Amino acid sequence: MRAARAPHCPERSVANGVVYEEAGALRAALPGLGDWFAEHGCKWLVWVQPGDGDAARACEEFGNVLDAAPQAMGLELADMPDPVNEGLDWAGGQDAAILGPVNDVAYGYCDGSMIRAIGKPPPGTFETYAVRHGGMDDAAVLGLFERAGNAEVVW
């Protein structure tokens, strides 16, 4: 089990969360986790694995409320279809600090919370790209994190 706490962004549970491997261990840890996040007034979440009813029930019984159902996605890069890029202007080499402001606007926060949550990743952490469409600057951004032949695409 791993937990991450971002006291500089207590209002965004996406920045304060728990991942686990075994529902029983999660159930046992929930009271301590609640206290740990409460030390900094952090809203927090548990990334419940799809189909894990035991973990979902444990969270519900503890008092956590399901407020979203994001899905992790995976794909063998060799199986990825060719993208449709018509009308898109891609620009690589962007400063990773762009991820926060664009996400603040995309999620309607406009309060700087995603800027605080994401921060400014160290140089070389991500390959960062921006896409412009119809003259809109930074219509979307993404970061590509690659290690040992695996890649993660974020925001």
N, C-alpha and C. Protein backbone atom coordinates (compact mmCIF):
# COMPACT_ATOMS: atom_id res chain seq x y z
N MET A 1 0.85 -1.16 0.00
CA MET A 1 0.00 0.00 0.00
C MET A 1 0.90 1.23 0.00
N ARG A 2 0.46 2.24 -0.73
CA ARG A 2 1.18 3.50 -0.79
C ARG A 2 0.17 4.63 -0.65
N ALA A 3 0.59 5.69 0.04
CA ALA A 3 -0.25 6.86 0.18
C ALA A 3 0.59 8.09 -0.11
N ALA A 4 -0.03 9.07 -0.74
CA ALA A 4 0.65 10.33 -1.05
C ALA A 4 -0.20 11.47 -0.52
N ARG A 5 0.46 12.40 0.14
CA ARG A 5 -0.23 13.55 0.72
C ARG A 5 0.42 14.82 0.19
N ALA A 6 -0.41 15.76 -0.25
CA ALA A 6 0.08 17.04 -0.78
C ALA A 6 -0.50 18.16 0.07
N PRO A 7 0.13 18.49 1.20
CA PRO A 7 -0.41 19.52 2.08
C PRO A 7 -0.53 20.88 1.41
N HIS A 8 0.23 21.11 0.34
CA HIS A 8 0.15 22.38 -0.39
C HIS A 8 -1.10 22.44 -1.27
N CYS A 9 -1.83 21.33 -1.35
CA CYS A 9 -3.06 21.28 -2.16
C CYS A 9 -4.08 20.39 -1.45
N PRO A 10 -4.51 20.77 -0.25
CA PRO A 10 -5.39 19.89 0.53
C PRO A 10 -6.80 19.75 -0.04
N GLU A 11 -7.21 20.68 -0.87
CA GLU A 11 -8.59 20.65 -1.37
C GLU A 11 -8.80 19.70 -2.55
N ARG A 12 -7.75 19.14 -3.12
CA ARG A 12 -7.87 18.26 -4.29
C ARG A 12 -7.49 16.84 -3.92
N SER A 13 -8.50 15.98 -3.82
CA SER A 13 -8.24 14.59 -3.45
C SER A 13 -7.39 13.87 -4.50
N VAL A 14 -7.43 14.33 -5.74
CA VAL A 14 -6.62 13.69 -6.77
C VAL A 14 -5.12 13.79 -6.44
N ALA A 15 -4.75 14.77 -5.62
CA ALA A 15 -3.36 14.93 -5.22
C ALA A 15 -3.05 14.23 -3.90
N ASN A 16 -4.07 13.69 -3.25
CA ASN A 16 -3.92 13.07 -1.93
C ASN A 16 -4.62 11.72 -1.97
N GLY A 17 -3.89 10.66 -2.17
CA GLY A 17 -4.57 9.39 -2.38
C GLY A 17 -3.80 8.17 -1.94
N VAL A 18 -4.50 7.05 -2.04
CA VAL A 18 -3.99 5.76 -1.60
C VAL A 18 -4.16 4.74 -2.72
N VAL A 19 -3.15 3.93 -2.93
CA VAL A 19 -3.25 2.75 -3.78
C VAL A 19 -2.92 1.55 -2.90
N TYR A 20 -3.47 0.40 -3.24
CA TYR A 20 -3.34 -0.77 -2.38
C TYR A 20 -3.26 -2.02 -3.25
N GLU A 21 -2.88 -3.12 -2.64
CA GLU A 21 -2.87 -4.41 -3.33
C GLU A 21 -3.91 -5.36 -2.76
N GLU A 22 -4.22 -5.25 -1.47
CA GLU A 22 -5.09 -6.22 -0.82
C GLU A 22 -6.14 -5.48 0.00
N ALA A 23 -7.42 -5.81 -0.24
CA ALA A 23 -8.53 -5.10 0.39
C ALA A 23 -8.51 -5.21 1.91
N GLY A 24 -8.12 -6.36 2.44
CA GLY A 24 -8.08 -6.52 3.89
C GLY A 24 -7.08 -5.58 4.54
N ALA A 25 -5.92 -5.44 3.93
CA ALA A 25 -4.91 -4.52 4.44
C ALA A 25 -5.40 -3.08 4.35
N LEU A 26 -6.10 -2.76 3.27
CA LEU A 26 -6.68 -1.43 3.13
C LEU A 26 -7.67 -1.17 4.25
N ARG A 27 -8.58 -2.12 4.48
CA ARG A 27 -9.60 -1.97 5.53
C ARG A 27 -8.93 -1.67 6.88
N ALA A 28 -7.89 -2.43 7.20
CA ALA A 28 -7.21 -2.24 8.48
C ALA A 28 -6.51 -0.89 8.56
N ALA A 29 -6.05 -0.37 7.44
CA ALA A 29 -5.29 0.88 7.43
C ALA A 29 -6.16 2.13 7.37
N LEU A 30 -7.41 2.01 6.99
CA LEU A 30 -8.24 3.20 6.76
C LEU A 30 -8.28 4.17 7.94
N PRO A 31 -8.48 3.72 9.19
CA PRO A 31 -8.50 4.71 10.29
C PRO A 31 -7.20 5.51 10.40
N GLY A 32 -6.07 4.84 10.30
CA GLY A 32 -4.79 5.53 10.37
C GLY A 32 -4.59 6.47 9.19
N LEU A 33 -5.02 6.03 8.01
CA LEU A 33 -4.91 6.89 6.83
C LEU A 33 -5.76 8.13 7.00
N GLY A 34 -6.98 7.96 7.52
CA GLY A 34 -7.84 9.11 7.75
C GLY A 34 -7.18 10.13 8.66
N ASP A 35 -6.56 9.64 9.73
CA ASP A 35 -5.86 10.54 10.66
C ASP A 35 -4.68 11.22 9.98
N TRP A 36 -3.93 10.43 9.19
CA TRP A 36 -2.73 10.96 8.52
C TRP A 36 -3.09 12.09 7.57
N PHE A 37 -4.14 11.90 6.76
CA PHE A 37 -4.56 12.96 5.84
C PHE A 37 -5.15 14.15 6.61
N ALA A 38 -5.87 13.87 7.71
CA ALA A 38 -6.49 14.94 8.50
C ALA A 38 -5.46 15.86 9.14
N GLU A 39 -4.25 15.36 9.40
CA GLU A 39 -3.20 16.20 9.99
C GLU A 39 -2.99 17.49 9.19
N HIS A 40 -3.25 17.44 7.89
CA HIS A 40 -3.08 18.62 7.04
C HIS A 40 -4.39 19.05 6.40
N GLY A 41 -5.51 18.53 6.89
CA GLY A 41 -6.81 18.92 6.35
C GLY A 41 -7.01 18.51 4.91
N CYS A 42 -6.39 17.40 4.50
CA CYS A 42 -6.44 16.97 3.10
C CYS A 42 -7.68 16.14 2.80
N LYS A 43 -8.41 16.54 1.76
CA LYS A 43 -9.39 15.64 1.15
C LYS A 43 -8.59 14.54 0.48
N TRP A 44 -9.09 13.30 0.54
CA TRP A 44 -8.29 12.21 -0.01
C TRP A 44 -9.18 11.15 -0.61
N LEU A 45 -8.54 10.28 -1.37
CA LEU A 45 -9.27 9.22 -2.05
C LEU A 45 -8.48 7.93 -2.02
N VAL A 46 -9.19 6.85 -2.28
CA VAL A 46 -8.58 5.54 -2.48
C VAL A 46 -8.84 5.16 -3.92
N TRP A 47 -7.81 4.80 -4.65
CA TRP A 47 -7.96 4.35 -6.03
C TRP A 47 -8.37 2.87 -5.96
N VAL A 48 -9.70 2.63 -5.92
CA VAL A 48 -10.23 1.28 -5.81
C VAL A 48 -10.12 0.58 -7.16
N GLN A 49 -9.58 -0.62 -7.13
CA GLN A 49 -9.40 -1.39 -8.35
C GLN A 49 -10.75 -1.82 -8.91
N PRO A 50 -10.93 -1.77 -10.24
CA PRO A 50 -12.20 -2.18 -10.84
C PRO A 50 -12.61 -3.58 -10.37
N GLY A 51 -13.86 -3.70 -9.95
CA GLY A 51 -14.40 -4.99 -9.53
C GLY A 51 -14.04 -5.40 -8.12
N ASP A 52 -13.33 -4.56 -7.37
CA ASP A 52 -12.94 -4.91 -6.00
C ASP A 52 -14.01 -4.43 -5.03
N GLY A 53 -15.08 -5.23 -4.94
CA GLY A 53 -16.19 -4.89 -4.06
C GLY A 53 -15.80 -4.83 -2.59
N ASP A 54 -14.85 -5.68 -2.16
CA ASP A 54 -14.42 -5.67 -0.76
C ASP A 54 -13.79 -4.33 -0.39
N ALA A 55 -12.92 -3.82 -1.23
CA ALA A 55 -12.29 -2.53 -0.95
C ALA A 55 -13.31 -1.41 -1.02
N ALA A 56 -14.20 -1.46 -1.99
CA ALA A 56 -15.24 -0.42 -2.11
C ALA A 56 -16.11 -0.40 -0.86
N ARG A 57 -16.51 -1.58 -0.37
CA ARG A 57 -17.32 -1.66 0.85
C ARG A 57 -16.55 -1.13 2.06
N ALA A 58 -15.27 -1.48 2.15
CA ALA A 58 -14.46 -1.00 3.27
C ALA A 58 -14.42 0.52 3.28
N CYS A 59 -14.22 1.11 2.13
CA CYS A 59 -14.18 2.58 2.03
C CYS A 59 -15.53 3.18 2.41
N GLU A 60 -16.59 2.59 1.90
CA GLU A 60 -17.94 3.09 2.20
C GLU A 60 -18.24 2.97 3.70
N GLU A 61 -17.91 1.83 4.30
CA GLU A 61 -18.15 1.64 5.73
C GLU A 61 -17.32 2.60 6.57
N PHE A 62 -16.15 2.97 6.09
CA PHE A 62 -15.31 3.93 6.79
C PHE A 62 -15.87 5.34 6.68
N GLY A 63 -16.72 5.59 5.69
CA GLY A 63 -17.33 6.90 5.51
C GLY A 63 -16.90 7.63 4.26
N ASN A 64 -16.02 7.02 3.48
CA ASN A 64 -15.65 7.63 2.20
C ASN A 64 -16.84 7.56 1.25
N VAL A 65 -16.97 8.56 0.41
CA VAL A 65 -18.08 8.64 -0.53
C VAL A 65 -17.53 8.57 -1.96
N LEU A 66 -18.10 7.69 -2.76
CA LEU A 66 -17.71 7.61 -4.17
C LEU A 66 -18.15 8.88 -4.88
N ASP A 67 -17.19 9.61 -5.44
CA ASP A 67 -17.54 10.85 -6.13
C ASP A 67 -17.09 10.87 -7.58
N ALA A 68 -16.40 9.83 -8.01
CA ALA A 68 -15.95 9.75 -9.40
C ALA A 68 -15.53 8.31 -9.68
N ALA A 69 -15.49 7.97 -10.94
CA ALA A 69 -15.08 6.62 -11.33
C ALA A 69 -14.10 6.67 -12.50
N PRO A 70 -12.93 7.31 -12.27
CA PRO A 70 -11.94 7.35 -13.35
C PRO A 70 -11.42 5.95 -13.64
N GLN A 71 -10.97 5.75 -14.84
CA GLN A 71 -10.47 4.45 -15.25
C GLN A 71 -9.02 4.56 -15.67
N ALA A 72 -8.22 3.64 -15.17
CA ALA A 72 -6.86 3.53 -15.67
C ALA A 72 -6.93 2.88 -17.05
N MET A 73 -6.06 3.26 -17.91
CA MET A 73 -6.06 2.70 -19.25
C MET A 73 -4.67 2.21 -19.59
N GLY A 74 -4.61 1.13 -20.33
CA GLY A 74 -3.32 0.61 -20.76
C GLY A 74 -3.40 0.18 -22.20
N LEU A 75 -2.27 0.22 -22.87
CA LEU A 75 -2.24 -0.14 -24.27
C LEU A 75 -0.81 -0.50 -24.65
N GLU A 76 -0.66 -1.59 -25.36
CA GLU A 76 0.64 -1.90 -25.95
C GLU A 76 0.88 -0.87 -27.05
N LEU A 77 1.98 -0.16 -26.97
CA LEU A 77 2.22 0.92 -27.93
C LEU A 77 2.24 0.41 -29.36
N ALA A 78 2.69 -0.81 -29.58
CA ALA A 78 2.71 -1.37 -30.93
C ALA A 78 1.30 -1.54 -31.48
N ASP A 79 0.30 -1.64 -30.61
CA ASP A 79 -1.09 -1.83 -31.03
C ASP A 79 -1.86 -0.52 -31.15
N MET A 80 -1.22 0.59 -30.87
CA MET A 80 -1.90 1.87 -30.90
C MET A 80 -2.25 2.27 -32.33
N PRO A 81 -3.51 2.65 -32.57
CA PRO A 81 -3.88 3.08 -33.92
C PRO A 81 -3.24 4.43 -34.25
N ASP A 82 -3.14 4.71 -35.54
CA ASP A 82 -2.62 6.00 -35.96
C ASP A 82 -3.57 7.09 -35.47
N PRO A 83 -3.04 8.16 -34.90
CA PRO A 83 -3.91 9.23 -34.40
C PRO A 83 -4.49 10.07 -35.54
N VAL A 84 -5.60 10.69 -35.25
CA VAL A 84 -6.21 11.65 -36.18
C VAL A 84 -5.71 13.02 -35.75
N ASN A 85 -4.90 13.63 -36.58
CA ASN A 85 -4.29 14.91 -36.22
C ASN A 85 -4.79 16.08 -37.06
N GLU A 86 -5.83 15.86 -37.83
CA GLU A 86 -6.32 16.92 -38.71
C GLU A 86 -6.71 18.15 -37.90
N GLY A 87 -6.14 19.28 -38.25
CA GLY A 87 -6.47 20.54 -37.60
C GLY A 87 -5.76 20.77 -36.28
N LEU A 88 -4.88 19.86 -35.90
CA LEU A 88 -4.17 20.01 -34.63
C LEU A 88 -2.73 20.44 -34.90
N ASP A 89 -2.27 21.35 -34.09
CA ASP A 89 -0.90 21.83 -34.18
C ASP A 89 -0.18 21.41 -32.90
N TRP A 90 0.63 20.35 -33.00
CA TRP A 90 1.36 19.82 -31.85
C TRP A 90 2.68 20.55 -31.68
N ALA A 91 3.05 20.81 -30.44
CA ALA A 91 4.33 21.43 -30.14
C ALA A 91 4.97 20.70 -28.96
N GLY A 92 6.10 20.06 -29.21
CA GLY A 92 6.82 19.38 -28.14
C GLY A 92 7.74 20.33 -27.41
N GLY A 93 8.42 19.80 -26.42
CA GLY A 93 9.40 20.58 -25.68
C GLY A 93 8.81 21.67 -24.81
N GLN A 94 7.57 21.50 -24.39
CA GLN A 94 6.93 22.50 -23.55
C GLN A 94 7.43 22.40 -22.11
N ASP A 95 7.36 23.49 -21.39
CA ASP A 95 7.70 23.50 -19.97
C ASP A 95 6.63 22.70 -19.23
N ALA A 96 7.03 21.73 -18.42
CA ALA A 96 6.07 20.88 -17.71
C ALA A 96 5.17 21.69 -16.78
N ALA A 97 5.56 22.90 -16.42
CA ALA A 97 4.72 23.73 -15.56
C ALA A 97 3.40 24.10 -16.23
N ILE A 98 3.28 23.89 -17.54
CA ILE A 98 2.04 24.19 -18.26
C ILE A 98 0.92 23.23 -17.86
N LEU A 99 1.26 22.05 -17.33
CA LEU A 99 0.24 21.05 -17.00
C LEU A 99 -0.76 21.58 -15.97
N GLY A 100 -0.30 22.29 -14.96
CA GLY A 100 -1.18 22.79 -13.92
C GLY A 100 -2.20 23.80 -14.40
N PRO A 101 -1.78 24.90 -15.03
CA PRO A 101 -2.74 25.90 -15.47
C PRO A 101 -3.79 25.37 -16.44
N VAL A 102 -3.39 24.53 -17.37
CA VAL A 102 -4.36 23.99 -18.33
C VAL A 102 -5.37 23.11 -17.61
N ASN A 103 -4.92 22.30 -16.64
CA ASN A 103 -5.85 21.46 -15.90
C ASN A 103 -6.77 22.26 -14.99
N ASP A 104 -6.29 23.36 -14.42
CA ASP A 104 -7.18 24.22 -13.64
C ASP A 104 -8.35 24.68 -14.49
N VAL A 105 -8.07 25.15 -15.70
CA VAL A 105 -9.13 25.62 -16.59
C VAL A 105 -10.00 24.47 -17.05
N ALA A 106 -9.39 23.34 -17.43
CA ALA A 106 -10.15 22.20 -17.95
C ALA A 106 -11.15 21.66 -16.94
N TYR A 107 -10.78 21.66 -15.66
CA TYR A 107 -11.68 21.14 -14.63
C TYR A 107 -12.53 22.22 -14.00
N GLY A 108 -12.38 23.46 -14.47
CA GLY A 108 -13.22 24.54 -13.97
C GLY A 108 -12.84 25.05 -12.60
N TYR A 109 -11.64 24.74 -12.13
CA TYR A 109 -11.24 25.20 -10.80
C TYR A 109 -10.83 26.67 -10.83
N CYS A 110 -9.95 27.02 -11.73
CA CYS A 110 -9.49 28.41 -11.89
C CYS A 110 -9.07 29.03 -10.57
N ASP A 111 -8.60 28.19 -9.65
CA ASP A 111 -8.16 28.67 -8.35
C ASP A 111 -6.69 28.37 -8.08
N GLY A 112 -6.01 27.83 -9.09
CA GLY A 112 -4.61 27.52 -8.93
C GLY A 112 -4.33 26.21 -8.21
N SER A 113 -5.38 25.46 -7.88
CA SER A 113 -5.16 24.23 -7.10
C SER A 113 -4.42 23.16 -7.89
N MET A 114 -4.69 23.04 -9.18
CA MET A 114 -3.97 22.04 -9.97
C MET A 114 -2.53 22.49 -10.22
N ILE A 115 -2.32 23.79 -10.26
CA ILE A 115 -0.95 24.30 -10.36
C ILE A 115 -0.18 23.85 -9.11
N ARG A 116 -0.82 24.00 -7.95
CA ARG A 116 -0.16 23.58 -6.70
C ARG A 116 -0.03 22.06 -6.64
N ALA A 117 -1.04 21.33 -7.12
CA ALA A 117 -1.01 19.86 -7.06
C ALA A 117 0.10 19.30 -7.94
N ILE A 118 0.21 19.80 -9.14
CA ILE A 118 1.19 19.27 -10.09
C ILE A 118 2.56 19.89 -9.84
N GLY A 119 2.56 21.16 -9.47
CA GLY A 119 3.83 21.83 -9.24
C GLY A 119 4.62 22.00 -10.52
N LYS A 120 5.90 22.09 -10.37
CA LYS A 120 6.79 22.21 -11.53
C LYS A 120 7.71 21.00 -11.50
N PRO A 121 7.36 19.97 -12.28
CA PRO A 121 8.20 18.77 -12.29
C PRO A 121 9.63 19.11 -12.69
N PRO A 122 10.61 18.42 -12.10
CA PRO A 122 12.01 18.68 -12.45
C PRO A 122 12.26 18.46 -13.94
N PRO A 123 13.18 19.21 -14.53
CA PRO A 123 13.51 19.01 -15.94
C PRO A 123 13.86 17.55 -16.21
N GLY A 124 13.37 17.05 -17.33
CA GLY A 124 13.65 15.68 -17.71
C GLY A 124 12.67 14.65 -17.16
N THR A 125 11.75 15.08 -16.28
CA THR A 125 10.77 14.15 -15.73
C THR A 125 9.79 13.72 -16.80
N PHE A 126 9.32 14.66 -17.59
CA PHE A 126 8.33 14.42 -18.63
C PHE A 126 8.83 14.98 -19.95
N GLU A 127 8.39 14.37 -21.02
CA GLU A 127 8.40 15.03 -22.32
C GLU A 127 7.02 15.67 -22.39
N THR A 128 6.94 16.96 -22.53
CA THR A 128 5.66 17.65 -22.44
C THR A 128 5.29 18.25 -23.79
N TYR A 129 4.03 18.06 -24.17
CA TYR A 129 3.51 18.50 -25.46
C TYR A 129 2.27 19.35 -25.24
N ALA A 130 2.07 20.31 -26.10
CA ALA A 130 0.84 21.10 -26.12
C ALA A 130 0.25 20.97 -27.51
N VAL A 131 -1.06 21.04 -27.58
CA VAL A 131 -1.73 21.01 -28.88
C VAL A 131 -2.63 22.24 -28.97
N ARG A 132 -2.59 22.84 -30.11
CA ARG A 132 -3.44 24.00 -30.37
C ARG A 132 -4.43 23.63 -31.45
N HIS A 133 -5.63 24.14 -31.30
CA HIS A 133 -6.69 23.82 -32.26
C HIS A 133 -7.50 25.08 -32.49
N GLY A 134 -7.71 25.40 -33.74
CA GLY A 134 -8.54 26.56 -34.08
C GLY A 134 -8.02 27.85 -33.47
N GLY A 135 -6.71 27.97 -33.34
CA GLY A 135 -6.14 29.20 -32.81
C GLY A 135 -6.10 29.26 -31.29
N MET A 136 -6.69 28.27 -30.61
CA MET A 136 -6.65 28.26 -29.15
C MET A 136 -5.28 27.78 -28.69
N ASP A 137 -4.61 28.58 -27.90
CA ASP A 137 -3.35 28.13 -27.32
C ASP A 137 -3.62 27.09 -26.25
N ASP A 138 -2.78 26.08 -26.21
CA ASP A 138 -2.82 25.07 -25.16
C ASP A 138 -4.22 24.50 -24.94
N ALA A 139 -4.84 24.06 -26.05
CA ALA A 139 -6.16 23.43 -25.95
C ALA A 139 -6.07 22.15 -25.15
N ALA A 140 -4.93 21.51 -25.17
CA ALA A 140 -4.70 20.30 -24.37
C ALA A 140 -3.20 20.15 -24.19
N VAL A 141 -2.83 19.52 -23.11
CA VAL A 141 -1.42 19.22 -22.89
C VAL A 141 -1.30 17.80 -22.37
N LEU A 142 -0.14 17.24 -22.54
CA LEU A 142 0.11 15.93 -21.94
C LEU A 142 1.57 15.81 -21.62
N GLY A 143 1.82 14.99 -20.63
CA GLY A 143 3.19 14.68 -20.26
C GLY A 143 3.43 13.21 -20.52
N LEU A 144 4.58 12.88 -21.02
CA LEU A 144 4.94 11.49 -21.29
C LEU A 144 6.12 11.14 -20.39
N PHE A 145 5.89 10.18 -19.52
CA PHE A 145 6.91 9.72 -18.58
C PHE A 145 7.29 8.32 -19.00
N GLU A 146 8.55 8.11 -19.35
CA GLU A 146 9.00 6.80 -19.85
C GLU A 146 10.16 6.30 -19.01
N ARG A 147 10.05 5.03 -18.59
CA ARG A 147 11.14 4.38 -17.86
C ARG A 147 11.16 2.90 -18.23
N ALA A 148 12.31 2.41 -18.58
CA ALA A 148 12.54 0.98 -18.80
C ALA A 148 11.54 0.36 -19.76
N GLY A 149 11.20 1.08 -20.82
CA GLY A 149 10.31 0.53 -21.84
C GLY A 149 8.83 0.67 -21.53
N ASN A 150 8.47 1.25 -20.40
CA ASN A 150 7.08 1.52 -20.06
C ASN A 150 6.85 3.02 -20.13
N ALA A 151 5.65 3.40 -20.53
CA ALA A 151 5.34 4.82 -20.64
C ALA A 151 4.03 5.11 -19.92
N GLU A 152 3.96 6.29 -19.35
CA GLU A 152 2.73 6.78 -18.73
C GLU A 152 2.43 8.13 -19.35
N VAL A 153 1.21 8.31 -19.81
CA VAL A 153 0.77 9.58 -20.36
C VAL A 153 -0.15 10.21 -19.33
N VAL A 154 0.13 11.45 -18.97
CA VAL A 154 -0.67 12.14 -17.97
C VAL A 154 -1.23 13.42 -18.54
N TRP A 155 -2.40 13.76 -18.12
CA TRP A 155 -3.11 14.99 -18.45
C TRP A 155 -2.90 15.41 -19.86
